[in-house]
C-alpha atoms as a PDB file:
ATOM      1  CA  MET A   1     -36.721  20.164  10.076  1.00  0.00           C
ATOM      2  CA  ASN A   2     -36.208  16.588  11.233  1.00  0.00           C
ATOM      3  CA  ARG A   3     -32.478  15.951  11.332  1.00  0.00           C
ATOM      4  CA  SER A   4     -32.914  12.659  13.166  1.00  0.00           C
ATOM      5  CA  ILE A   5     -33.813  10.772  10.008  1.00  0.00           C
ATOM      6  CA  LEU A   6     -30.521  11.467   8.261  1.00  0.00           C
ATOM      7  CA  PRO A   7     -28.613   8.199   7.738  1.00  0.00           C
ATOM      8  CA  ASP A   8     -25.759   7.447  10.129  1.00  0.00           C
ATOM      9  CA  GLY A   9     -22.680   9.548   9.499  1.00  0.00           C
ATOM     10  CA  TYR A  10     -24.545  12.342   7.717  1.00  0.00           C
ATOM     11  CA  THR A  11     -25.044  15.728   9.346  1.00  0.00           C
ATOM     12  CA  VAL A  12     -26.506  18.919   7.938  1.00  0.00           C
ATOM     13  CA  ASP A  13     -23.178  20.718   8.361  1.00  0.00           C
ATOM     14  CA  ALA A  14     -21.303  17.924   6.557  1.00  0.00           C
ATOM     15  CA  ILE A  15     -23.832  17.949   3.715  1.00  0.00           C
ATOM     16  CA  LYS A  16     -23.655  21.732   3.370  1.00  0.00           C
ATOM     17  CA  ASN A  17     -19.867  21.582   3.138  1.00  0.00           C
ATOM     18  CA  ALA A  18     -20.099  18.730   0.606  1.00  0.00           C
ATOM     19  CA  VAL A  19     -22.450  20.706  -1.653  1.00  0.00           C
ATOM     20  CA  ILE A  20     -20.242  23.813  -1.517  1.00  0.00           C
ATOM     21  CA  GLU A  21     -17.099  21.798  -2.252  1.00  0.00           C
ATOM     22  CA  TYR A  22     -18.799  19.847  -5.040  1.00  0.00           C
ATOM     23  CA  ALA A  23     -20.001  23.001  -6.809  1.00  0.00           C
ATOM     24  CA  ASN A  24     -16.534  24.524  -6.522  1.00  0.00           C
ATOM     25  CA  TYR A  25     -14.768  21.363  -7.731  1.00  0.00           C
ATOM     26  CA  ARG A  26     -17.058  21.038 -10.725  1.00  0.00           C
ATOM     27  CA  MET A  27     -16.342  24.613 -11.786  1.00  0.00           C
ATOM     28  CA  TRP A  28     -12.607  24.258 -11.068  1.00  0.00           C
ATOM     29  CA  THR A  29     -12.299  21.191 -13.292  1.00  0.00           C
ATOM     30  CA  SER A  30     -14.915  22.130 -15.885  1.00  0.00           C
ATOM     31  CA  ARG A  31     -14.145  23.433 -19.353  1.00  0.00           C
ATOM     32  CA  ASP A  32     -17.311  25.550 -19.394  1.00  0.00           C
ATOM     33  CA  HIS A  33     -15.633  28.846 -18.540  1.00  0.00           C
ATOM     34  CA  ILE A  34     -12.804  28.100 -20.996  1.00  0.00           C
ATOM     35  CA  ASN A  35     -15.051  27.134 -23.917  1.00  0.00           C
ATOM     36  CA  GLU A  36     -17.674  29.743 -22.997  1.00  0.00           C
ATOM     37  CA  THR A  37     -20.346  27.067 -22.942  1.00  0.00           C
ATOM     38  CA  VAL A  38     -22.835  26.228 -20.241  1.00  0.00           C
ATOM     39  CA  SER A  39     -24.379  22.807 -19.715  1.00  0.00           C
ATOM     40  CA  GLU A  40     -27.631  22.152 -17.904  1.00  0.00           C
ATOM     41  CA  LYS A  41     -25.600  20.985 -14.907  1.00  0.00           C
ATOM     42  CA  SER A  42     -23.208  23.941 -14.775  1.00  0.00           C
ATOM     43  CA  PHE A  43     -22.808  26.065 -11.677  1.00  0.00           C
ATOM     44  CA  GLU A  44     -21.149  28.973 -13.522  1.00  0.00           C
ATOM     45  CA  PRO A  45     -24.441  30.835 -14.164  1.00  0.00           C
ATOM     46  CA  PHE A  46     -25.024  31.032 -10.414  1.00  0.00           C
ATOM     47  CA  VAL A  47     -21.689  32.575  -9.400  1.00  0.00           C
ATOM     48  CA  GLY A  48     -22.366  35.509  -7.104  1.00  0.00           C
ATOM     49  CA  GLN A  49     -25.821  34.200  -6.245  1.00  0.00           C
ATOM     50  CA  THR A  50     -27.301  32.504  -3.211  1.00  0.00           C
ATOM     51  CA  ILE A  51     -29.114  29.254  -3.945  1.00  0.00           C
ATOM     52  CA  ASP A  52     -31.421  27.257  -1.713  1.00  0.00           C
ATOM     53  CA  VAL A  53     -30.597  23.614  -1.069  1.00  0.00           C
ATOM     54  CA  ASP A  54     -33.092  20.951  -0.057  1.00  0.00           C
ATOM     55  CA  VAL A  55     -31.663  17.726   1.387  1.00  0.00           C
ATOM     56  CA  ARG A  56     -33.657  14.655   0.388  1.00  0.00           C
ATOM     57  CA  VAL A  57     -33.442  11.119   1.688  1.00  0.00           C
ATOM     58  CA  TYR A  58     -34.749   8.474  -0.715  1.00  0.00           C
ATOM     59  CA  ALA A  59     -35.751   4.994   0.429  1.00  0.00           C
ATOM     60  CA  ASP A  60     -36.190   2.144  -2.056  1.00  0.00           C
ATOM     61  CA  GLU A  61     -38.417  -0.908  -1.633  1.00  0.00           C
ATOM     62  CA  ALA A  62     -35.711  -2.685   0.358  1.00  0.00           C
ATOM     63  CA  GLY A  63     -35.433   0.252   2.738  1.00  0.00           C
ATOM     64  CA  GLU A  64     -32.008   1.268   1.450  1.00  0.00           C
ATOM     65  CA  GLU A  65     -31.511   4.985   2.027  1.00  0.00           C
ATOM     66  CA  THR A  66     -29.618   7.376  -0.232  1.00  0.00           C
ATOM     67  CA  VAL A  67     -29.043  11.089   0.214  1.00  0.00           C
ATOM     68  CA  TYR A  68     -29.323  13.813  -2.424  1.00  0.00           C
ATOM     69  CA  ALA A  69     -29.304  17.602  -2.582  1.00  0.00           C
ATOM     70  CA  HIS A  70     -31.784  19.521  -4.729  1.00  0.00           C
ATOM     71  CA  THR A  71     -31.482  23.240  -5.481  1.00  0.00           C
ATOM     72  CA  ASN A  72     -34.034  25.861  -6.430  1.00  0.00           C
ATOM     73  CA  LYS A  73     -32.096  26.578  -9.636  1.00  0.00           C
ATOM     74  CA  ALA A  74     -32.492  23.262 -11.470  1.00  0.00           C
ATOM     75  CA  ASP A  75     -34.284  19.918 -11.416  1.00  0.00           C
ATOM     76  CA  TRP A  76     -31.185  17.720 -11.141  1.00  0.00           C
ATOM     77  CA  LEU A  77     -29.951  16.218  -7.898  1.00  0.00           C
ATOM     78  CA  ILE A  78     -26.453  16.184  -6.427  1.00  0.00           C
ATOM     79  CA  VAL A  79     -25.574  12.643  -5.357  1.00  0.00           C
ATOM     80  CA  LEU A  80     -24.198  12.571  -1.805  1.00  0.00           C
ATOM     81  CA  LYS A  81     -22.067   9.720  -0.494  1.00  0.00           C
ATOM     82  CA  ARG A  82     -19.953   8.991   2.557  1.00  0.00           C
ATOM     83  CA  LYS A  83     -16.587   7.257   2.820  1.00  0.00           C
ATOM     84  CA  VAL A  84     -13.845   7.315   5.485  1.00  0.00           C
ATOM     85  CA  ASP A  85     -16.110   9.601   7.517  1.00  0.00           C
ATOM     86  CA  ILE A  86     -16.247  12.176   4.710  1.00  0.00           C
ATOM     87  CA  VAL A  87     -19.537  13.247   3.114  1.00  0.00           C
ATOM     88  CA  TYR A  88     -18.996  14.327  -0.497  1.00  0.00           C
ATOM     89  CA  GLY A  89     -20.761  15.079  -3.769  1.00  0.00           C
ATOM     90  CA  ASP A  90     -20.471  12.301  -6.329  1.00  0.00           C
ATOM     91  CA  GLY A  91     -22.014  13.753  -9.460  1.00  0.00           C
ATOM     92  CA  GLN A  92     -25.385  14.992 -10.610  1.00  0.00           C
ATOM     93  CA  VAL A  93     -28.356  13.095 -11.959  1.00  0.00           C
ATOM     94  CA  SER A  94     -31.423  14.264 -13.870  1.00  0.00           C
ATOM     95  CA  GLU A  95     -34.836  12.646 -13.986  1.00  0.00           C
ATOM     96  CA  GLY A  96     -34.992  10.136 -16.819  1.00  0.00           C
ATOM     97  CA  GLU A  97     -31.383   9.050 -16.390  1.00  0.00           C
ATOM     98  CA  THR A  98     -30.847   5.456 -15.302  1.00  0.00           C
ATOM     99  CA  SER A  99     -29.258   6.511 -12.018  1.00  0.00           C
ATOM    100  CA  TRP A 100     -32.214   8.676 -10.984  1.00  0.00           C
ATOM    101  CA  PRO A 101     -33.275   7.436  -7.526  1.00  0.00           C
ATOM    102  CA  LYS A 102     -36.333   5.254  -7.141  1.00  0.00           C
ATOM    103  CA  GLY A 103     -38.705   5.118  -4.219  1.00  0.00           C
ATOM    104  CA  LYS A 104     -40.193   7.703  -1.924  1.00  0.00           C
ATOM    105  CA  TRP A 105     -38.233  10.637  -0.598  1.00  0.00           C
ATOM    106  CA  GLU A 106     -38.485  12.982   2.331  1.00  0.00           C
ATOM    107  CA  SER A 107     -37.110  16.483   2.716  1.00  0.00           C
ATOM    108  CA  VAL A 108     -34.994  16.539   5.875  1.00  0.00           C
ATOM    109  CA  ALA A 109     -33.172  19.881   5.845  1.00  0.00           C
ATOM    110  CA  GLN A 110     -32.892  23.147   3.953  1.00  0.00           C
ATOM    111  CA  PHE A 111     -30.163  25.771   3.847  1.00  0.00           C
ATOM    112  CA  PRO A 112     -28.802  28.506   1.559  1.00  0.00           C
ATOM    113  CA  ILE A 113     -25.308  28.532   0.064  1.00  0.00           C
ATOM    114  CA  SER A 114     -23.415  31.195  -1.859  1.00  0.00           C
ATOM    115  CA  ILE A 115     -21.829  30.186  -5.152  1.00  0.00           C
ATOM    116  CA  GLU A 116     -18.414  31.824  -5.252  1.00  0.00           C
ATOM    117  CA  LYS A 117     -15.854  32.015  -8.043  1.00  0.00           C
ATOM    118  CA  PRO A 118     -13.935  28.724  -8.313  1.00  0.00           C
ATOM    119  CA  ARG A 119     -10.868  28.303  -6.105  1.00  0.00           C
ATOM    120  CA  LYS A 120      -8.444  25.470  -5.515  1.00  0.00           C
ATOM    121  CA  PRO A 121     -10.440  22.666  -3.902  1.00  0.00           C
ATOM    122  CA  ASN A 122      -9.865  21.767  -0.281  1.00  0.00           C
ATOM    123  CA  TYR A 123      -8.459  18.299  -0.892  1.00  0.00           C
ATOM    124  CA  GLY A 124      -7.663  17.754   2.776  1.00  0.00           C
ATOM    125  CA  SER A 125      -4.817  15.958   4.514  1.00  0.00           C
ATOM    126  CA  SER A 126      -4.423  13.087   6.954  1.00  0.00           C
ATOM    127  CA  PRO A 127      -1.924  10.350   7.893  1.00  0.00           C
ATOM    128  CA  ARG A 128      -3.975   7.956   5.756  1.00  0.00           C
ATOM    129  CA  LYS A 129      -3.685  10.223   2.733  1.00  0.00           C
ATOM    130  CA  ASP A 130       0.056  10.570   3.364  1.00  0.00           C
ATOM    131  CA  GLN A 131       0.294   6.782   2.974  1.00  0.00           C
ATOM    132  CA  MET A 132      -1.538   7.005  -0.343  1.00  0.00           C
ATOM    133  CA  ILE A 133       0.832   9.701  -1.594  1.00  0.00           C
ATOM    134  CA  ALA A 134       3.858   7.624  -0.553  1.00  0.00           C
ATOM    135  CA  ALA A 135       2.456   4.624  -2.443  1.00  0.00           C
ATOM    136  CA  ALA A 136       1.932   6.752  -5.550  1.00  0.00           C
ATOM    137  CA  GLU A 137       5.469   8.123  -5.305  1.00  0.00           C
ATOM    138  CA  ALA A 138       6.903   4.600  -5.140  1.00  0.00           C
ATOM    139  CA  GLN A 139       4.898   3.540  -8.197  1.00  0.00           C
ATOM    140  CA  LEU A 140       5.953   6.583 -10.202  1.00  0.00           C
ATOM    141  CA  LYS A 141       9.629   6.611  -9.224  1.00  0.00           C
ATOM    142  CA  TYR A 142      10.493   2.944  -9.113  1.00  0.00           C
ATOM    143  CA  TYR A 143       8.230   1.559 -11.808  1.00  0.00           C
ATOM    144  CA  LEU A 144       7.110   4.124 -14.362  1.00  0.00           C
ATOM    145  CA  CYS A 145      10.200   6.342 -14.395  1.00  0.00           C
ATOM    146  CA  GLU A 146      12.562   3.379 -14.393  1.00  0.00           C
ATOM    147  CA  ASP A 147      10.581   1.589 -17.102  1.00  0.00           C
ATOM    148  CA  PHE A 148      10.697   4.631 -19.359  1.00  0.00           C
ATOM    149  CA  VAL A 149      14.377   5.415 -18.726  1.00  0.00           C
ATOM    150  CA  ARG A 150      15.483   1.807 -19.237  1.00  0.00           C
ATOM    151  CA  GLY A 151      13.261   1.194 -22.248  1.00  0.00           C
ATOM    152  CA  GLU A 152      13.742   1.978 -25.929  1.00  0.00           C
ATOM    153  CA  GLY A 153      14.590   5.653 -26.339  1.00  0.00           C
ATOM    154  CA  GLY A 154      15.087   5.861 -22.607  1.00  0.00           C
ATOM    155  CA  GLU A 155      17.575   8.706 -22.842  1.00  0.00           C
ATOM    156  CA  LYS A 156      14.695  10.998 -23.837  1.00  0.00           C
ATOM    157  CA  TRP A 157      13.007  10.320 -20.508  1.00  0.00           C
ATOM    158  CA  ILE A 158      15.985  11.323 -18.379  1.00  0.00           C
ATOM    159  CA  GLY A 159      15.038  14.629 -16.808  1.00  0.00           C
ATOM    160  CA  ALA A 160      11.322  14.201 -17.471  1.00  0.00           C
ATOM    161  CA  THR A 161       9.122  15.830 -14.846  1.00  0.00           C
ATOM    162  CA  ALA A 162       6.588  13.713 -12.975  1.00  0.00           C
ATOM    163  CA  TYR A 163       3.498  15.297 -11.441  1.00  0.00           C
ATOM    164  CA  LEU A 164       1.039  13.669  -9.058  1.00  0.00           C
ATOM    165  CA  THR A 165      -2.146  15.712  -8.932  1.00  0.00           C
ATOM    166  CA  ASP A 166      -3.869  16.239  -5.615  1.00  0.00           C
ATOM    167  CA  PHE A 167      -6.890  14.118  -4.788  1.00  0.00           C
ATOM    168  CA  PHE A 168      -9.554  13.570  -2.169  1.00  0.00           C
ATOM    169  CA  GLU A 169      -8.898  10.885   0.405  1.00  0.00           C
ATOM    170  CA  TYR A 170     -12.173   9.113  -0.363  1.00  0.00           C
ATOM    171  CA  GLU A 171     -11.160   8.628  -3.991  1.00  0.00           C
ATOM    172  CA  GLU A 172      -9.752   5.305  -5.101  1.00  0.00           C
ATOM    173  CA  GLY A 173      -7.166   6.806  -7.403  1.00  0.00           C
ATOM    174  CA  ALA A 174      -5.185   9.804  -8.605  1.00  0.00           C
ATOM    175  CA  SER A 175      -3.728  11.165 -11.838  1.00  0.00           C
ATOM    176  CA  ALA A 176      -0.079  11.394 -12.838  1.00  0.00           C
ATOM    177  CA  TRP A 177       1.676  13.145 -15.722  1.00  0.00           C
ATOM    178  CA  LEU A 178       5.192  12.493 -16.993  1.00  0.00           C
ATOM    179  CA  ILE A 179       6.364  15.304 -19.274  1.00  0.00           C
ATOM    180  CA  ARG A 180       9.577  15.167 -21.313  1.00  0.00           C
ATOM    181  CA  ASP A 181      11.595  18.238 -22.260  1.00  0.00           C
ATOM    182  CA  ASP A 182      10.434  17.872 -25.879  1.00  0.00           C
ATOM    183  CA  GLY A 183       6.770  18.082 -24.827  1.00  0.00           C
ATOM    184  CA  TYR A 184       5.987  14.376 -25.128  1.00  0.00           C
ATOM    185  CA  ALA A 185       3.561  13.496 -22.342  1.00  0.00           C
ATOM    186  CA  ALA A 186       2.341  10.314 -20.721  1.00  0.00           C
ATOM    187  CA  TYR A 187      -0.827  10.444 -18.645  1.00  0.00           C
ATOM    188  CA  THR A 188      -1.216   7.598 -16.152  1.00  0.00           C
ATOM    189  CA  PRO A 189      -4.113   7.111 -13.753  1.00  0.00           C
ATOM    190  CA  LEU A 190      -3.229   5.356 -10.498  1.00  0.00           C
ATOM    191  CA  ALA A 191      -5.520   3.117  -8.461  1.00  0.00           C
ATOM    192  CA  PHE A 192      -5.007   2.716  -4.722  1.00  0.00           C
ATOM    193  CA  VAL A 193      -5.297  -0.768  -3.239  1.00  0.00           C
ATOM    194  CA  GLU A 194      -5.622  -0.900   0.542  1.00  0.00           C
ATOM    195  CA  GLY A 195      -4.687  -3.902   2.659  1.00  0.00           C
ATOM    196  CA  ASN A 196      -3.222  -4.578   6.099  1.00  0.00           C
ATOM    197  CA  ASN A 197      -3.268  -0.859   6.903  1.00  0.00           C
ATOM    198  CA  THR A 198      -1.028  -0.053   3.949  1.00  0.00           C
ATOM    199  CA  PHE A 199      -1.560   1.149   0.398  1.00  0.00           C
ATOM    200  CA  LYS A 200      -0.243   0.088  -2.967  1.00  0.00           C
ATOM    201  CA  ALA A 201      -0.606   2.243  -6.078  1.00  0.00           C
ATOM    202  CA  VAL A 202      -1.225   0.401  -9.332  1.00  0.00           C
ATOM    203  CA  GLY A 203      -0.867   1.981 -12.752  1.00  0.00           C
ATOM    204  CA  VAL A 204      -3.953   1.972 -14.981  1.00  0.00           C
ATOM    205  CA  LYS A 205      -3.871   2.283 -18.778  1.00  0.00           C
ATOM    206  CA  GLY A 206      -3.610   5.922 -19.759  1.00  0.00           C
ATOM    207  CA  PHE A 207      -2.598   7.703 -22.955  1.00  0.00           C
ATOM    208  CA  SER A 208       0.251   9.674 -24.472  1.00  0.00           C
ATOM    209  CA  LEU A 209       0.504  12.907 -26.441  1.00  0.00           C
ATOM    210  CA  GLU A 210       3.271  13.726 -28.910  1.00  0.00           C
ATOM    211  CA  ASN A 211       3.320  17.333 -27.719  1.00  0.00           C
ATOM    212  CA  ILE A 212       1.367  18.388 -24.657  1.00  0.00           C
ATOM    213  CA  HIS A 213       1.573  22.038 -25.689  1.00  0.00           C
ATOM    214  CA  LEU A 214       0.020  21.472 -29.124  1.00  0.00           C
ATOM    215  CA  GLN A 215      -2.423  18.619 -28.581  1.00  0.00           C
ATOM    216  CA  ASP A 216      -3.865  19.644 -25.243  1.00  0.00           C
ATOM    217  CA  PRO A 217      -5.554  23.063 -25.235  1.00  0.00           C
ATOM    218  CA  GLY A 218      -3.850  23.733 -21.927  1.00  0.00           C
ATOM    219  CA  PHE A 219      -6.825  23.211 -19.697  1.00  0.00           C
ATOM    220  CA  THR A 220      -6.530  19.569 -18.661  1.00  0.00           C
ATOM    221  CA  PHE A 221      -2.811  19.483 -17.973  1.00  0.00           C
ATOM    222  CA  GLN A 222      -2.394  23.022 -16.690  1.00  0.00           C
ATOM    223  CA  GLN A 223      -5.454  22.813 -14.480  1.00  0.00           C
ATOM    224  CA  GLN A 224      -4.402  19.497 -12.996  1.00  0.00           C
ATOM    225  CA  ILE A 225      -0.827  20.485 -12.220  1.00  0.00           C
ATOM    226  CA  LYS A 226      -2.123  23.557 -10.390  1.00  0.00           C
ATOM    227  CA  ASP A 227      -3.142  20.986  -7.812  1.00  0.00           C
ATOM    228  CA  THR A 228       0.122  19.050  -7.775  1.00  0.00           C
ATOM    229  CA  VAL A 229       0.788  17.286  -4.489  1.00  0.00           C
ATOM    230  CA  LEU A 230       4.078  15.720  -5.636  1.00  0.00           C
ATOM    231  CA  LYS A 231       6.644  16.709  -8.278  1.00  0.00           C
ATOM    232  CA  PHE A 232      10.037  15.216  -9.090  1.00  0.00           C
ATOM    233  CA  THR A 233      12.439  14.483 -11.957  1.00  0.00           C
ATOM    234  CA  CYS A 234      12.960  11.057 -13.531  1.00  0.00           C
ATOM    235  CA  GLU A 235      16.605  10.025 -13.391  1.00  0.00           C
END
């Protein structure tokens, strides 16, 4: 095992944690166990099993290095990235897909992991993330809530509940739900813009549902608000 050729900022321990957290997050947010379906990239079939992980470093013609994790259970790769000193899984890719890595690769580490039943992800906390949450709260309270309450039919939005779902610090956004008492729901993604050591949250086009309880099978909304990091009432 030659750990010295891992790109800067990557360690075997960080990669192992990233693979475990990625598998858990994919199961936690996946509909597979609700719909009783299994895709070729599902982790559900491996719950209760130990799988072997091979860490691969690919180098393209320009010498640019990228890191992936391969398992003994499938041919796809887990894409590994690093941001704000956090190594994380960023999706899966199969051979033949346009994002499949090009160039030569070298195996740099191997380790086993146990696939456990899905649990709430470890989203983490930090002063930097606290700033992101504060920016999201300002956007939701002083822009979205006020816009809805002061707009046409605004009285229906008084007392609506706003939820900000938890997120990973390396992400560039988060999800927010505003739910009225009559079940009408507005889903609004938020993008974080960083500058001068501060954050601003900007609303991105989302969608609305006439009745969250009838039009959403319960998984998306209910699963996301399990991970709520902020909740308040529009006034």
